[in-house]
Amino acid sequence: MSLPKGPSVVVLPVTKDEASSTGPRILQPSGWPMPKGYANGVTADGRLVVTGGVIGWDHRGDLPADFIAQVRQVLSNILAILAEGGALPEHLVRLTWYVVDMEEYLASLKALGQIYRELFGAHYPAMALVQVVRLVEKAAKVEIEATAVVPR
C-alpha cells in the first residue's frame, strides 16, 4: 500500500484549557494557496449550534425579491439564531450555501463580500457553495446552513 503524496495537515494536540479558550482554529495545509473568503477546514472544541436551512424571510415572513437583499436577510437570520444559542459569528465553523443561480452569485461577489464582512466580520469558516434547481420556498434564491462551536 502506498501513501498519497502531497501536503499534509498537522493539528497539534492542545490541552482542554487551551481548546476551550481559543475557539475555532483554521486548518491551512502547508504549501496550499490561501483561500479567499472561506477556510479549507476548521477545528473546534465546545458546544455545537446548528441551524436548519435558513432563507431570507423577515420577521413578518416576507421574502425580498432581490438576491442581494435575500442574502443580507439570510445572514441576519443566522446571526439571530446564533445569538439564541449563545454563539457569535467567530464561532462559525461551516456554512453551506445553496443558490438557484450560480451566475447571479458570481456576478454579486463584491456586494456579497461587503455584506458578509459587515455582518460577520473577517471570520471565514469552511464553506461550500451548491447550485440547486430550486428551493422549497419557490421565491427563495439562496438558503444557507450554519454550524458553530461555542468554546466551553
N, C-alpha and C. Protein backbone atom coordinates (compact mmCIF):
# COMPACT_ATOMS: atom_id res chain seq x y z
N MET A 1 0.85 -1.17 0.00
CA MET A 1 0.00 0.00 0.00
C MET A 1 0.89 1.24 0.00
N SER A 2 0.62 2.16 -0.89
CA SER A 2 1.41 3.39 -0.91
C SER A 2 0.58 4.54 -0.38
N LEU A 3 1.24 5.48 0.22
CA LEU A 3 0.58 6.65 0.77
C LEU A 3 0.50 7.73 -0.29
N PRO A 4 -0.58 8.53 -0.30
CA PRO A 4 -0.68 9.62 -1.27
C PRO A 4 0.39 10.66 -1.02
N LYS A 5 0.88 11.23 -2.11
CA LYS A 5 1.88 12.29 -1.99
C LYS A 5 1.18 13.63 -1.95
N GLY A 6 1.80 14.59 -1.32
CA GLY A 6 1.23 15.93 -1.27
C GLY A 6 1.33 16.50 0.12
N PRO A 7 0.77 17.69 0.31
CA PRO A 7 0.88 18.34 1.62
C PRO A 7 0.08 17.57 2.66
N SER A 8 0.52 17.68 3.88
CA SER A 8 -0.21 17.05 4.97
C SER A 8 -0.70 18.12 5.93
N VAL A 9 -1.76 17.80 6.64
CA VAL A 9 -2.31 18.72 7.63
C VAL A 9 -1.89 18.22 8.99
N VAL A 10 -1.36 19.09 9.79
CA VAL A 10 -0.96 18.73 11.13
C VAL A 10 -1.79 19.56 12.10
N VAL A 11 -2.50 18.87 12.98
CA VAL A 11 -3.24 19.53 14.04
C VAL A 11 -2.56 19.15 15.33
N LEU A 12 -1.95 20.12 15.99
CA LEU A 12 -1.22 19.85 17.21
C LEU A 12 -2.18 19.65 18.37
N PRO A 13 -1.89 18.68 19.24
CA PRO A 13 -2.77 18.48 20.39
C PRO A 13 -2.70 19.69 21.32
N VAL A 14 -3.83 19.98 21.93
CA VAL A 14 -3.89 21.08 22.89
C VAL A 14 -4.54 20.56 24.16
N THR A 15 -4.27 21.24 25.26
CA THR A 15 -4.91 20.85 26.50
C THR A 15 -6.36 21.29 26.46
N LYS A 16 -7.17 20.75 27.36
CA LYS A 16 -8.58 21.11 27.41
C LYS A 16 -8.75 22.61 27.66
N ASP A 17 -7.91 23.18 28.51
CA ASP A 17 -7.99 24.62 28.79
C ASP A 17 -7.68 25.44 27.54
N GLU A 18 -6.67 25.02 26.77
CA GLU A 18 -6.32 25.74 25.54
C GLU A 18 -7.44 25.64 24.52
N ALA A 19 -8.01 24.45 24.35
CA ALA A 19 -9.07 24.26 23.36
C ALA A 19 -10.30 25.09 23.69
N SER A 20 -10.65 25.16 24.97
CA SER A 20 -11.88 25.87 25.32
C SER A 20 -11.70 27.37 25.26
N SER A 21 -10.48 27.85 25.35
CA SER A 21 -10.28 29.30 25.36
C SER A 21 -9.98 29.86 23.97
N THR A 22 -9.58 29.01 23.05
CA THR A 22 -9.16 29.53 21.76
C THR A 22 -10.27 29.60 20.73
N GLY A 23 -11.32 28.82 20.87
CA GLY A 23 -12.39 28.81 19.87
C GLY A 23 -11.94 28.11 18.60
N PRO A 24 -12.71 28.25 17.52
CA PRO A 24 -12.36 27.57 16.28
C PRO A 24 -10.98 28.00 15.76
N ARG A 25 -10.28 27.03 15.15
CA ARG A 25 -8.97 27.29 14.58
C ARG A 25 -8.98 26.86 13.11
N ILE A 26 -8.51 27.73 12.25
CA ILE A 26 -8.47 27.48 10.81
C ILE A 26 -7.39 26.44 10.50
N LEU A 27 -7.70 25.50 9.63
CA LEU A 27 -6.74 24.49 9.18
C LEU A 27 -6.28 24.87 7.78
N GLN A 28 -5.00 25.17 7.64
CA GLN A 28 -4.43 25.58 6.35
C GLN A 28 -3.22 24.70 6.07
N PRO A 29 -3.36 23.68 5.22
CA PRO A 29 -2.22 22.81 4.92
C PRO A 29 -1.04 23.61 4.37
N SER A 30 0.15 23.26 4.80
CA SER A 30 1.34 23.99 4.34
C SER A 30 1.50 23.82 2.84
N GLY A 31 1.87 24.91 2.20
CA GLY A 31 2.09 24.91 0.77
C GLY A 31 0.84 25.14 -0.07
N TRP A 32 -0.34 25.09 0.55
CA TRP A 32 -1.57 25.35 -0.20
C TRP A 32 -1.77 26.84 -0.35
N PRO A 33 -2.37 27.29 -1.47
CA PRO A 33 -2.68 28.72 -1.59
C PRO A 33 -3.76 29.10 -0.58
N MET A 34 -3.68 30.32 -0.08
CA MET A 34 -4.67 30.81 0.88
C MET A 34 -6.02 30.98 0.17
N PRO A 35 -7.09 30.39 0.71
CA PRO A 35 -8.40 30.59 0.10
C PRO A 35 -8.89 32.01 0.35
N LYS A 36 -9.75 32.48 -0.52
CA LYS A 36 -10.29 33.84 -0.38
C LYS A 36 -11.77 33.75 -0.02
N GLY A 37 -12.10 34.20 1.18
CA GLY A 37 -13.49 34.24 1.61
C GLY A 37 -14.01 32.96 2.22
N TYR A 38 -13.14 31.99 2.50
CA TYR A 38 -13.54 30.76 3.17
C TYR A 38 -12.29 30.09 3.73
N ALA A 39 -12.46 29.03 4.50
CA ALA A 39 -11.35 28.25 5.02
C ALA A 39 -11.43 26.84 4.45
N ASN A 40 -10.28 26.21 4.27
CA ASN A 40 -10.27 24.81 3.82
C ASN A 40 -10.81 23.88 4.89
N GLY A 41 -10.56 24.22 6.13
CA GLY A 41 -11.03 23.40 7.24
C GLY A 41 -10.96 24.16 8.54
N VAL A 42 -11.67 23.68 9.54
CA VAL A 42 -11.73 24.32 10.86
C VAL A 42 -11.78 23.22 11.91
N THR A 43 -11.08 23.42 13.01
CA THR A 43 -11.19 22.52 14.15
C THR A 43 -11.68 23.34 15.34
N ALA A 44 -12.48 22.71 16.19
CA ALA A 44 -13.02 23.41 17.35
C ALA A 44 -13.45 22.40 18.40
N ASP A 45 -13.50 22.85 19.62
CA ASP A 45 -13.98 22.04 20.72
C ASP A 45 -14.98 22.88 21.50
N GLY A 46 -16.16 22.34 21.76
CA GLY A 46 -17.14 23.11 22.52
C GLY A 46 -18.56 22.64 22.28
N ARG A 47 -19.50 23.55 22.50
CA ARG A 47 -20.93 23.28 22.37
C ARG A 47 -21.38 23.61 20.96
N LEU A 48 -22.04 22.68 20.31
CA LEU A 48 -22.47 22.81 18.93
C LEU A 48 -23.76 23.62 18.81
N VAL A 49 -23.79 24.54 17.85
CA VAL A 49 -25.01 25.28 17.50
C VAL A 49 -25.19 25.08 15.99
N VAL A 50 -26.33 24.51 15.60
CA VAL A 50 -26.58 24.17 14.21
C VAL A 50 -27.90 24.80 13.76
N THR A 51 -27.88 25.42 12.59
CA THR A 51 -29.13 25.95 12.03
C THR A 51 -29.69 24.94 11.03
N GLY A 52 -30.95 25.10 10.72
CA GLY A 52 -31.51 24.40 9.57
C GLY A 52 -31.16 25.21 8.34
N GLY A 53 -31.78 24.89 7.23
CA GLY A 53 -31.61 25.71 6.04
C GLY A 53 -32.35 27.02 6.25
N VAL A 54 -31.61 28.13 6.23
CA VAL A 54 -32.17 29.45 6.54
C VAL A 54 -32.34 30.23 5.24
N ILE A 55 -33.54 30.78 5.03
CA ILE A 55 -33.77 31.63 3.87
C ILE A 55 -34.00 33.06 4.34
N GLY A 56 -34.27 33.96 3.39
CA GLY A 56 -34.32 35.39 3.67
C GLY A 56 -35.65 35.95 4.11
N TRP A 57 -36.46 35.16 4.80
CA TRP A 57 -37.70 35.71 5.36
C TRP A 57 -37.38 36.69 6.46
N ASP A 58 -38.14 37.77 6.52
CA ASP A 58 -38.00 38.69 7.66
C ASP A 58 -38.96 38.23 8.76
N HIS A 59 -39.05 39.00 9.84
CA HIS A 59 -39.87 38.61 10.99
C HIS A 59 -41.37 38.55 10.66
N ARG A 60 -41.78 39.13 9.55
CA ARG A 60 -43.19 39.07 9.12
C ARG A 60 -43.43 37.93 8.14
N GLY A 61 -42.37 37.23 7.75
CA GLY A 61 -42.49 36.15 6.78
C GLY A 61 -42.41 36.63 5.34
N ASP A 62 -41.98 37.89 5.14
CA ASP A 62 -41.83 38.43 3.79
C ASP A 62 -40.43 38.10 3.25
N LEU A 63 -40.37 37.80 1.96
CA LEU A 63 -39.12 37.45 1.29
C LEU A 63 -38.82 38.49 0.23
N PRO A 64 -37.67 39.19 0.33
CA PRO A 64 -37.32 40.17 -0.71
C PRO A 64 -37.19 39.48 -2.08
N ALA A 65 -37.45 40.21 -3.14
CA ALA A 65 -37.33 39.66 -4.50
C ALA A 65 -35.87 39.61 -4.96
N ASP A 66 -35.04 40.51 -4.45
CA ASP A 66 -33.66 40.69 -4.90
C ASP A 66 -32.71 39.70 -4.22
N PHE A 67 -31.78 39.12 -4.98
CA PHE A 67 -30.81 38.16 -4.47
C PHE A 67 -29.97 38.74 -3.33
N ILE A 68 -29.40 39.91 -3.54
CA ILE A 68 -28.55 40.54 -2.52
C ILE A 68 -29.33 40.80 -1.23
N ALA A 69 -30.54 41.29 -1.37
CA ALA A 69 -31.38 41.55 -0.19
C ALA A 69 -31.70 40.24 0.54
N GLN A 70 -31.91 39.17 -0.22
CA GLN A 70 -32.17 37.87 0.41
C GLN A 70 -30.93 37.40 1.18
N VAL A 71 -29.75 37.55 0.59
CA VAL A 71 -28.53 37.13 1.28
C VAL A 71 -28.36 37.92 2.58
N ARG A 72 -28.56 39.23 2.51
CA ARG A 72 -28.44 40.06 3.73
C ARG A 72 -29.38 39.55 4.82
N GLN A 73 -30.62 39.24 4.43
CA GLN A 73 -31.60 38.79 5.42
C GLN A 73 -31.26 37.39 5.93
N VAL A 74 -30.79 36.51 5.05
CA VAL A 74 -30.37 35.17 5.48
C VAL A 74 -29.27 35.28 6.53
N LEU A 75 -28.24 36.08 6.24
CA LEU A 75 -27.13 36.22 7.19
C LEU A 75 -27.60 36.86 8.49
N SER A 76 -28.51 37.82 8.41
CA SER A 76 -29.08 38.42 9.62
C SER A 76 -29.87 37.37 10.42
N ASN A 77 -30.61 36.53 9.71
CA ASN A 77 -31.37 35.47 10.39
C ASN A 77 -30.43 34.47 11.06
N ILE A 78 -29.32 34.15 10.41
CA ILE A 78 -28.33 33.26 11.01
C ILE A 78 -27.75 33.89 12.27
N LEU A 79 -27.45 35.19 12.22
CA LEU A 79 -26.96 35.88 13.42
C LEU A 79 -27.95 35.76 14.57
N ALA A 80 -29.24 35.91 14.28
CA ALA A 80 -30.28 35.81 15.32
C ALA A 80 -30.32 34.40 15.92
N ILE A 81 -30.21 33.39 15.07
CA ILE A 81 -30.21 32.00 15.56
C ILE A 81 -28.96 31.74 16.39
N LEU A 82 -27.81 32.19 15.91
CA LEU A 82 -26.57 32.02 16.68
C LEU A 82 -26.70 32.67 18.05
N ALA A 83 -27.21 33.89 18.09
CA ALA A 83 -27.37 34.61 19.35
C ALA A 83 -28.29 33.84 20.30
N GLU A 84 -29.35 33.28 19.75
CA GLU A 84 -30.29 32.48 20.56
C GLU A 84 -29.57 31.29 21.20
N GLY A 85 -28.56 30.77 20.51
CA GLY A 85 -27.78 29.64 21.02
C GLY A 85 -26.53 30.05 21.76
N GLY A 86 -26.37 31.36 22.01
CA GLY A 86 -25.20 31.83 22.74
C GLY A 86 -23.93 31.85 21.90
N ALA A 87 -24.07 31.91 20.58
CA ALA A 87 -22.91 31.90 19.68
C ALA A 87 -22.75 33.24 18.98
N LEU A 88 -21.54 33.50 18.53
CA LEU A 88 -21.19 34.70 17.77
C LEU A 88 -20.67 34.28 16.40
N PRO A 89 -20.58 35.22 15.45
CA PRO A 89 -20.06 34.86 14.12
C PRO A 89 -18.68 34.19 14.15
N GLU A 90 -17.83 34.59 15.09
CA GLU A 90 -16.49 34.00 15.14
C GLU A 90 -16.50 32.54 15.61
N HIS A 91 -17.67 32.05 16.06
CA HIS A 91 -17.80 30.65 16.43
C HIS A 91 -18.20 29.76 15.25
N LEU A 92 -18.52 30.38 14.11
CA LEU A 92 -18.90 29.60 12.94
C LEU A 92 -17.75 28.72 12.48
N VAL A 93 -18.05 27.47 12.18
CA VAL A 93 -17.04 26.55 11.65
C VAL A 93 -17.41 26.09 10.24
N ARG A 94 -18.67 26.26 9.83
CA ARG A 94 -19.08 25.82 8.50
C ARG A 94 -20.34 26.56 8.05
N LEU A 95 -20.33 26.94 6.77
CA LEU A 95 -21.52 27.47 6.10
C LEU A 95 -21.70 26.71 4.80
N THR A 96 -22.90 26.26 4.53
CA THR A 96 -23.21 25.63 3.24
C THR A 96 -24.27 26.48 2.56
N TRP A 97 -23.90 27.04 1.41
CA TRP A 97 -24.78 27.91 0.64
C TRP A 97 -25.44 27.10 -0.47
N TYR A 98 -26.74 27.27 -0.64
CA TYR A 98 -27.48 26.71 -1.76
C TYR A 98 -28.06 27.88 -2.55
N VAL A 99 -27.71 27.97 -3.82
CA VAL A 99 -28.20 29.06 -4.67
C VAL A 99 -28.89 28.46 -5.89
N VAL A 100 -29.90 29.17 -6.39
CA VAL A 100 -30.60 28.68 -7.58
C VAL A 100 -29.97 29.21 -8.87
N ASP A 101 -29.11 30.22 -8.76
CA ASP A 101 -28.48 30.79 -9.96
C ASP A 101 -27.01 31.11 -9.65
N MET A 102 -26.13 30.22 -10.08
CA MET A 102 -24.70 30.40 -9.82
C MET A 102 -24.16 31.66 -10.49
N GLU A 103 -24.66 31.98 -11.68
CA GLU A 103 -24.18 33.18 -12.38
C GLU A 103 -24.54 34.44 -11.60
N GLU A 104 -25.73 34.48 -11.02
CA GLU A 104 -26.13 35.63 -10.20
C GLU A 104 -25.22 35.74 -8.97
N TYR A 105 -24.90 34.61 -8.36
CA TYR A 105 -23.98 34.60 -7.22
C TYR A 105 -22.62 35.15 -7.64
N LEU A 106 -22.06 34.61 -8.71
CA LEU A 106 -20.73 35.02 -9.16
C LEU A 106 -20.69 36.49 -9.58
N ALA A 107 -21.76 36.99 -10.16
CA ALA A 107 -21.82 38.39 -10.56
C ALA A 107 -21.96 39.32 -9.36
N SER A 108 -22.27 38.76 -8.20
CA SER A 108 -22.53 39.57 -7.00
C SER A 108 -21.44 39.45 -5.94
N LEU A 109 -20.29 38.90 -6.29
CA LEU A 109 -19.27 38.61 -5.28
C LEU A 109 -18.84 39.82 -4.46
N LYS A 110 -18.65 40.96 -5.11
CA LYS A 110 -18.20 42.15 -4.38
C LYS A 110 -19.24 42.57 -3.33
N ALA A 111 -20.49 42.66 -3.74
CA ALA A 111 -21.56 43.04 -2.80
C ALA A 111 -21.73 41.99 -1.71
N LEU A 112 -21.63 40.72 -2.08
CA LEU A 112 -21.76 39.64 -1.09
C LEU A 112 -20.65 39.73 -0.06
N GLY A 113 -19.43 40.00 -0.51
CA GLY A 113 -18.30 40.14 0.42
C GLY A 113 -18.51 41.29 1.38
N GLN A 114 -19.02 42.41 0.87
CA GLN A 114 -19.27 43.57 1.74
C GLN A 114 -20.32 43.25 2.80
N ILE A 115 -21.41 42.61 2.38
CA ILE A 115 -22.48 42.26 3.32
C ILE A 115 -21.96 41.27 4.35
N TYR A 116 -21.23 40.26 3.89
CA TYR A 116 -20.69 39.24 4.79
C TYR A 116 -19.81 39.89 5.86
N ARG A 117 -18.86 40.72 5.44
CA ARG A 117 -17.94 41.36 6.40
C ARG A 117 -18.67 42.33 7.33
N GLU A 118 -19.68 43.01 6.80
CA GLU A 118 -20.48 43.92 7.63
C GLU A 118 -21.18 43.16 8.76
N LEU A 119 -21.69 41.99 8.46
CA LEU A 119 -22.46 41.24 9.45
C LEU A 119 -21.63 40.25 10.26
N PHE A 120 -20.67 39.57 9.62
CA PHE A 120 -19.91 38.51 10.27
C PHE A 120 -18.46 38.88 10.55
N GLY A 121 -18.01 40.03 10.06
CA GLY A 121 -16.62 40.40 10.25
C GLY A 121 -15.72 39.64 9.29
N ALA A 122 -14.45 39.53 9.65
CA ALA A 122 -13.46 38.90 8.77
C ALA A 122 -13.21 37.45 9.15
N HIS A 123 -14.17 36.80 9.76
CA HIS A 123 -14.05 35.37 10.10
C HIS A 123 -14.65 34.55 8.96
N TYR A 124 -13.84 33.69 8.36
CA TYR A 124 -14.30 32.88 7.23
C TYR A 124 -14.18 31.40 7.58
N PRO A 125 -15.30 30.75 7.89
CA PRO A 125 -15.26 29.32 8.21
C PRO A 125 -15.13 28.49 6.94
N ALA A 126 -15.10 27.18 7.11
CA ALA A 126 -15.17 26.29 5.95
C ALA A 126 -16.52 26.54 5.28
N MET A 127 -16.52 26.60 3.96
CA MET A 127 -17.76 26.87 3.22
C MET A 127 -17.87 25.98 2.01
N ALA A 128 -19.10 25.70 1.65
CA ALA A 128 -19.40 25.03 0.39
C ALA A 128 -20.51 25.83 -0.29
N LEU A 129 -20.49 25.83 -1.62
CA LEU A 129 -21.49 26.53 -2.42
C LEU A 129 -22.04 25.53 -3.42
N VAL A 130 -23.36 25.37 -3.44
CA VAL A 130 -24.00 24.39 -4.30
C VAL A 130 -25.12 25.06 -5.07
N GLN A 131 -25.16 24.84 -6.38
CA GLN A 131 -26.31 25.32 -7.17
C GLN A 131 -27.36 24.22 -7.16
N VAL A 132 -28.60 24.62 -6.91
CA VAL A 132 -29.73 23.69 -6.89
C VAL A 132 -30.77 24.14 -7.92
N VAL A 133 -31.63 23.23 -8.31
CA VAL A 133 -32.67 23.55 -9.29
C VAL A 133 -33.67 24.53 -8.70
N ARG A 134 -34.06 24.29 -7.46
CA ARG A 134 -34.92 25.23 -6.74
C ARG A 134 -34.90 24.89 -5.27
N LEU A 135 -35.42 25.80 -4.48
CA LEU A 135 -35.53 25.59 -3.04
C LEU A 135 -37.00 25.33 -2.70
N VAL A 136 -37.27 24.85 -1.49
CA VAL A 136 -38.65 24.53 -1.11
C VAL A 136 -39.55 25.75 -1.26
N GLU A 137 -39.10 26.89 -0.74
CA GLU A 137 -39.85 28.15 -0.93
C GLU A 137 -39.51 28.66 -2.32
N LYS A 138 -40.49 28.62 -3.21
CA LYS A 138 -40.24 28.89 -4.64
C LYS A 138 -39.55 30.22 -4.91
N ALA A 139 -39.87 31.27 -4.15
CA ALA A 139 -39.29 32.60 -4.40
C ALA A 139 -37.90 32.76 -3.79
N ALA A 140 -37.45 31.79 -2.99
CA ALA A 140 -36.12 31.89 -2.37
C ALA A 140 -35.04 31.66 -3.41
N LYS A 141 -34.02 32.51 -3.37
CA LYS A 141 -32.88 32.41 -4.30
C LYS A 141 -31.65 31.86 -3.61
N VAL A 142 -31.65 31.84 -2.28
CA VAL A 142 -30.50 31.37 -1.51
C VAL A 142 -30.99 30.79 -0.19
N GLU A 143 -30.30 29.74 0.23
CA GLU A 143 -30.56 29.12 1.53
C GLU A 143 -29.18 28.76 2.09
N ILE A 144 -28.98 29.00 3.38
CA ILE A 144 -27.67 28.74 3.99
C ILE A 144 -27.87 27.94 5.28
N GLU A 145 -27.05 26.92 5.45
CA GLU A 145 -26.98 26.18 6.71
C GLU A 145 -25.70 26.60 7.44
N ALA A 146 -25.79 26.76 8.75
CA ALA A 146 -24.63 27.20 9.52
C ALA A 146 -24.37 26.24 10.68
N THR A 147 -23.08 26.05 10.98
CA THR A 147 -22.66 25.27 12.14
C THR A 147 -21.65 26.11 12.90
N ALA A 148 -21.87 26.23 14.20
CA ALA A 148 -20.96 26.98 15.07
C ALA A 148 -20.58 26.11 16.24
N VAL A 149 -19.40 26.37 16.81
CA VAL A 149 -18.95 25.69 18.02
C VAL A 149 -18.57 26.76 19.03
N VAL A 150 -19.29 26.79 20.13
CA VAL A 150 -19.05 27.77 21.19
C VAL A 150 -18.07 27.15 22.18
N PRO A 151 -16.92 27.80 22.43
CA PRO A 151 -15.95 27.24 23.38
C PRO A 151 -16.57 27.01 24.76
N ARG A 152 -16.11 25.98 25.42
CA ARG A 152 -16.60 25.66 26.78
C ARG A 152 -15.96 26.58 27.78
